[in-house]
């Protein structure tokens, strides 16, 4: 089966500082893949390069069977490659509804705007109650719900999520991860960058461990979670 997204020997960085040193990663259709590692390992850099927010110095990015390595970020997004960024990055002075409508900016997502609004409001009922409220006035957890819902409004073929649980209460983290389980059951392909390694491994099918800009380990998430090296370094066991 063709990969939903395949990154091959990716090399990139910022200015003269190289961050990724030949990273390869493959997302199988309909599966949730975790990308874990310590701070500074290059996880966010990989997401930025895959989505076109950061140019690749070498290597390739193939999305839905097409080489998109040189495509700009907006073109990749329009084709169905969506990112829920770290820090949410909402439009604070716009309402929840306006933020969600912006998620459906592309021609492929526009026809399903009303249907997808109903879908995300059913998934996150709190947002339905706050649809007319400015996004900047929401709690951190509610803002994260808006960020995920905005990504879903794009009708993505692949959804990437950067640090979903950062700064949230345990209750909200459980709710958001339950949403991931539901999306996975619906067949959505996802890549999850997450500091809560135990939760990420529990919900994911496959996992990559990134260290110093290289893939250090990869395998079925349940198997990696049992590896002594991973348990000691990332699970505190």
Protein backbone atom coordinates (compact mmCIF):
# COMPACT_ATOMS: atom_id res chain seq x y z
CA UNK A 1 0.00 0.00 0.00
CA UNK A 2 1.31 3.45 -0.91
CA UNK A 3 2.24 5.69 1.99
CA UNK A 4 -0.03 8.62 2.83
CA UNK A 5 3.14 10.63 3.46
CA UNK A 6 6.76 9.63 3.01
CA UNK A 7 9.76 11.69 4.08
CA UNK A 8 13.08 10.40 2.76
CA UNK A 9 16.58 11.39 3.92
CA UNK A 10 15.39 14.87 4.89
CA UNK A 11 18.07 17.41 5.75
CA UNK A 12 17.20 20.94 6.88
CA UNK A 13 17.74 23.58 9.55
CA UNK A 14 17.68 27.29 10.27
CA UNK A 15 20.23 29.64 8.77
CA UNK A 16 23.55 27.82 9.00
CA UNK A 17 22.40 25.52 11.81
CA UNK A 18 21.52 22.02 10.64
CA UNK A 19 18.76 20.36 12.71
CA UNK A 20 17.74 17.27 10.73
CA UNK A 21 20.38 14.85 9.48
CA UNK A 22 18.76 12.55 6.94
CA UNK A 23 15.43 11.73 8.59
CA UNK A 24 13.14 9.20 6.92
CA UNK A 25 9.55 8.62 8.03
CA UNK A 26 6.54 6.87 6.53
CA UNK A 27 2.86 7.33 7.44
CA UNK A 28 0.61 4.42 6.54
CA UNK A 29 -2.96 5.33 5.51
CA UNK A 30 -5.47 5.29 8.34
CA UNK A 31 -2.87 4.89 11.08
CA UNK A 32 -1.83 7.17 13.92
CA UNK A 33 1.94 7.57 14.11
CA UNK A 34 3.73 9.14 17.07
CA UNK A 35 6.94 11.16 16.82
CA UNK A 36 8.61 11.47 20.21
CA UNK A 37 11.94 12.64 21.55
CA UNK A 38 13.52 15.08 23.94
CA UNK A 39 13.35 18.86 23.55
CA UNK A 40 15.56 20.01 20.69
CA UNK A 41 15.50 16.63 18.93
CA UNK A 42 14.00 18.18 15.79
CA UNK A 43 10.36 17.09 16.02
CA UNK A 44 8.77 20.46 15.22
CA UNK A 45 11.40 21.10 12.57
CA UNK A 46 10.36 17.87 10.85
CA UNK A 47 6.70 18.93 10.87
CA UNK A 48 7.57 22.35 9.49
CA UNK A 49 9.65 20.81 6.70
CA UNK A 50 6.98 18.24 5.85
CA UNK A 51 4.28 20.91 5.57
CA UNK A 52 6.46 23.32 3.59
CA UNK A 53 6.91 25.95 6.28
CA UNK A 54 10.64 25.23 6.21
CA UNK A 55 12.49 24.40 2.98
CA UNK A 56 14.27 21.07 2.63
CA UNK A 57 18.00 21.32 2.00
CA UNK A 58 18.15 17.75 0.76
CA UNK A 59 15.83 14.77 0.64
CA UNK A 60 12.20 14.52 -0.43
CA UNK A 61 8.61 14.74 0.80
CA UNK A 62 6.03 12.66 -1.08
CA UNK A 63 2.38 13.27 -0.21
CA UNK A 64 -0.47 11.16 -1.62
CA UNK A 65 1.90 9.79 -4.25
CA UNK A 66 3.15 13.20 -5.43
CA UNK A 67 6.54 14.78 -4.77
CA UNK A 68 5.72 18.03 -2.93
CA UNK A 69 9.26 18.83 -1.78
CA UNK A 70 9.32 22.13 -3.67
CA UNK A 71 5.66 23.03 -3.24
CA UNK A 72 4.88 26.00 -0.94
CA UNK A 73 3.05 25.41 2.32
CA UNK A 74 -0.30 26.77 1.12
CA UNK A 75 -0.29 24.41 -1.87
CA UNK A 76 0.39 21.39 0.36
CA UNK A 77 -2.39 22.51 2.70
CA UNK A 78 -4.79 22.89 -0.22
CA UNK A 79 -4.02 19.28 -1.21
CA UNK A 80 -5.00 18.03 2.26
CA UNK A 81 -1.86 18.19 4.42
CA UNK A 82 -2.94 19.97 7.62
CA UNK A 83 -0.98 21.04 10.70
CA UNK A 84 -2.26 21.80 14.19
CA UNK A 85 0.71 23.89 15.32
CA UNK A 86 2.33 24.09 18.72
CA UNK A 87 0.90 27.03 20.66
CA UNK A 88 -2.43 26.83 18.73
CA UNK A 89 -1.78 30.04 16.74
CA UNK A 90 -5.41 31.07 16.59
CA UNK A 91 -6.67 34.46 15.43
CA UNK A 92 -7.39 35.79 18.92
CA UNK A 93 -9.64 38.70 17.89
CA UNK A 94 -11.78 36.53 15.63
CA UNK A 95 -14.62 34.35 16.87
CA UNK A 96 -14.48 30.60 17.22
CA UNK A 97 -16.71 30.27 14.16
CA UNK A 98 -14.52 32.59 12.08
CA UNK A 99 -11.40 30.62 13.03
CA UNK A 100 -13.09 27.39 12.01
CA UNK A 101 -14.33 28.81 8.72
CA UNK A 102 -10.76 29.87 7.90
CA UNK A 103 -9.77 26.21 8.22
CA UNK A 104 -11.93 25.47 5.16
CA UNK A 105 -10.14 28.00 2.95
CA UNK A 106 -9.27 25.59 0.14
CA UNK A 107 -11.42 24.74 -2.85
CA UNK A 108 -11.49 21.07 -1.84
CA UNK A 109 -12.76 21.93 1.69
CA UNK A 110 -15.26 24.67 0.83
CA UNK A 111 -18.10 22.38 -0.36
CA UNK A 112 -18.06 20.52 2.95
CA UNK A 113 -17.88 23.56 5.22
CA UNK A 114 -21.36 23.25 6.79
CA UNK A 115 -21.11 19.48 7.14
CA UNK A 116 -17.71 19.75 8.80
CA UNK A 117 -18.90 22.50 11.14
CA UNK A 118 -21.61 20.15 12.37
CA UNK A 119 -19.02 17.40 12.73
CA UNK A 120 -16.57 19.44 14.85
CA UNK A 121 -19.34 20.92 16.99
CA UNK A 122 -20.59 17.40 17.67
CA UNK A 123 -17.05 16.32 18.54
CA UNK A 124 -16.39 19.40 20.70
CA UNK A 125 -19.79 20.55 22.08
CA UNK A 126 -18.12 23.29 24.13
CA UNK A 127 -17.13 25.04 20.92
CA UNK A 128 -20.72 25.03 19.69
CA UNK A 129 -21.68 26.95 22.82
CA UNK A 130 -18.87 29.44 22.25
CA UNK A 131 -19.03 29.82 18.49
CA UNK A 132 -19.60 33.59 18.73
CA UNK A 133 -16.91 34.16 21.37
CA UNK A 134 -13.50 35.59 20.51
CA UNK A 135 -10.91 32.82 20.43
CA UNK A 136 -8.50 34.81 22.59
CA UNK A 137 -10.92 34.77 25.52
CA UNK A 138 -11.17 30.96 25.67
CA UNK A 139 -9.33 28.77 28.14
CA UNK A 140 -6.19 26.98 26.98
CA UNK A 141 -8.03 23.71 26.59
CA UNK A 142 -10.82 25.30 24.58
CA UNK A 143 -8.27 27.01 22.34
CA UNK A 144 -6.64 23.65 21.67
CA UNK A 145 -10.04 22.24 20.73
CA UNK A 146 -10.45 25.11 18.24
CA UNK A 147 -6.99 24.40 16.81
CA UNK A 148 -7.79 20.72 16.26
CA UNK A 149 -11.25 21.52 14.90
CA UNK A 150 -9.77 24.10 12.51
CA UNK A 151 -7.42 21.42 11.19
CA UNK A 152 -10.36 19.07 10.62
CA UNK A 153 -12.25 21.78 8.75
CA UNK A 154 -9.66 21.46 5.99
CA UNK A 155 -10.85 17.88 5.32
CA UNK A 156 -7.25 16.69 5.63
CA UNK A 157 -5.86 13.54 4.11
CA UNK A 158 -3.12 13.75 6.74
CA UNK A 159 -3.42 15.67 10.02
CA UNK A 160 -0.26 16.58 11.93
CA UNK A 161 -0.54 17.63 15.58
CA UNK A 162 2.30 19.37 17.42
CA UNK A 163 2.29 19.06 21.23
CA UNK A 164 -1.42 18.45 21.69
CA UNK A 165 -1.32 18.24 25.51
CA UNK A 166 1.11 21.08 26.26
CA UNK A 167 -0.05 23.11 29.26
CA UNK A 168 -3.43 21.39 29.60
CA UNK A 169 -5.10 19.78 32.59
CA UNK A 170 -5.12 15.96 32.77
CA UNK A 171 -8.89 15.89 32.20
CA UNK A 172 -8.65 17.91 28.98
CA UNK A 173 -5.71 15.81 27.82
CA UNK A 174 -7.81 12.67 28.20
CA UNK A 175 -10.67 14.29 26.26
CA UNK A 176 -8.39 15.32 23.39
CA UNK A 177 -6.74 11.92 23.19
CA UNK A 178 -10.16 10.32 23.10
CA UNK A 179 -10.88 12.52 20.09
CA UNK A 180 -7.73 11.13 18.45
CA UNK A 181 -8.97 7.59 19.04
CA UNK A 182 -12.24 8.48 17.36
CA UNK A 183 -10.51 10.08 14.37
CA UNK A 184 -8.26 7.06 14.01
CA UNK A 185 -11.32 4.79 14.06
CA UNK A 186 -12.76 6.92 11.26
CA UNK A 187 -9.64 6.22 9.19
CA UNK A 188 -7.86 9.57 9.37
CA UNK A 189 -4.08 9.38 8.93
CA UNK A 190 -2.29 11.34 11.67
CA UNK A 191 1.19 12.21 12.88
CA UNK A 192 1.37 13.17 16.54
CA UNK A 193 4.30 15.02 18.11
CA UNK A 194 3.75 14.75 21.84
CA UNK A 195 5.66 15.36 25.08
CA UNK A 196 3.41 12.93 26.96
CA UNK A 197 5.14 9.85 25.59
CA UNK A 198 3.10 7.35 27.58
CA UNK A 199 -0.18 8.73 26.20
CA UNK A 200 1.24 9.00 22.70
CA UNK A 201 2.39 5.38 22.72
CA UNK A 202 -0.94 4.20 24.13
CA UNK A 203 -3.01 5.77 21.36
CA UNK A 204 -0.63 5.27 18.40
CA UNK A 205 -0.11 2.38 16.00
CA UNK A 206 3.50 3.12 15.11
CA UNK A 207 6.18 5.38 16.58
CA UNK A 208 9.47 7.05 15.76
CA UNK A 209 11.96 8.20 18.39
CA UNK A 210 13.96 11.20 17.23
CA UNK A 211 17.30 12.06 18.86
CA UNK A 212 19.69 14.81 17.80
CA UNK A 213 18.01 15.21 14.43
CA UNK A 214 18.07 11.51 13.51
CA UNK A 215 15.63 8.60 13.83
CA UNK A 216 17.01 6.67 16.78
CA UNK A 217 14.30 4.00 17.03
CA UNK A 218 11.12 3.06 15.19
CA UNK A 219 8.54 0.32 15.40
CA UNK A 220 5.05 -0.63 16.51
CA UNK A 221 4.16 1.72 19.36
CA UNK A 222 3.23 -1.08 21.75
CA UNK A 223 6.61 -2.75 21.19
CA UNK A 224 8.62 0.46 21.55
CA UNK A 225 6.83 1.24 24.82
CA UNK A 226 8.16 -2.03 26.20
CA UNK A 227 11.78 -1.32 25.26
CA UNK A 228 13.90 -0.67 28.33
CA UNK A 229 15.71 2.19 26.60
CA UNK A 230 12.45 4.00 25.84
CA UNK A 231 10.92 3.27 29.24
CA UNK A 232 13.96 4.67 31.01
CA UNK A 233 14.52 7.74 28.83
CA UNK A 234 10.93 8.82 28.13
CA UNK A 235 8.50 7.03 30.41
CA UNK A 236 10.32 7.57 33.72
CA UNK A 237 10.34 3.83 34.52
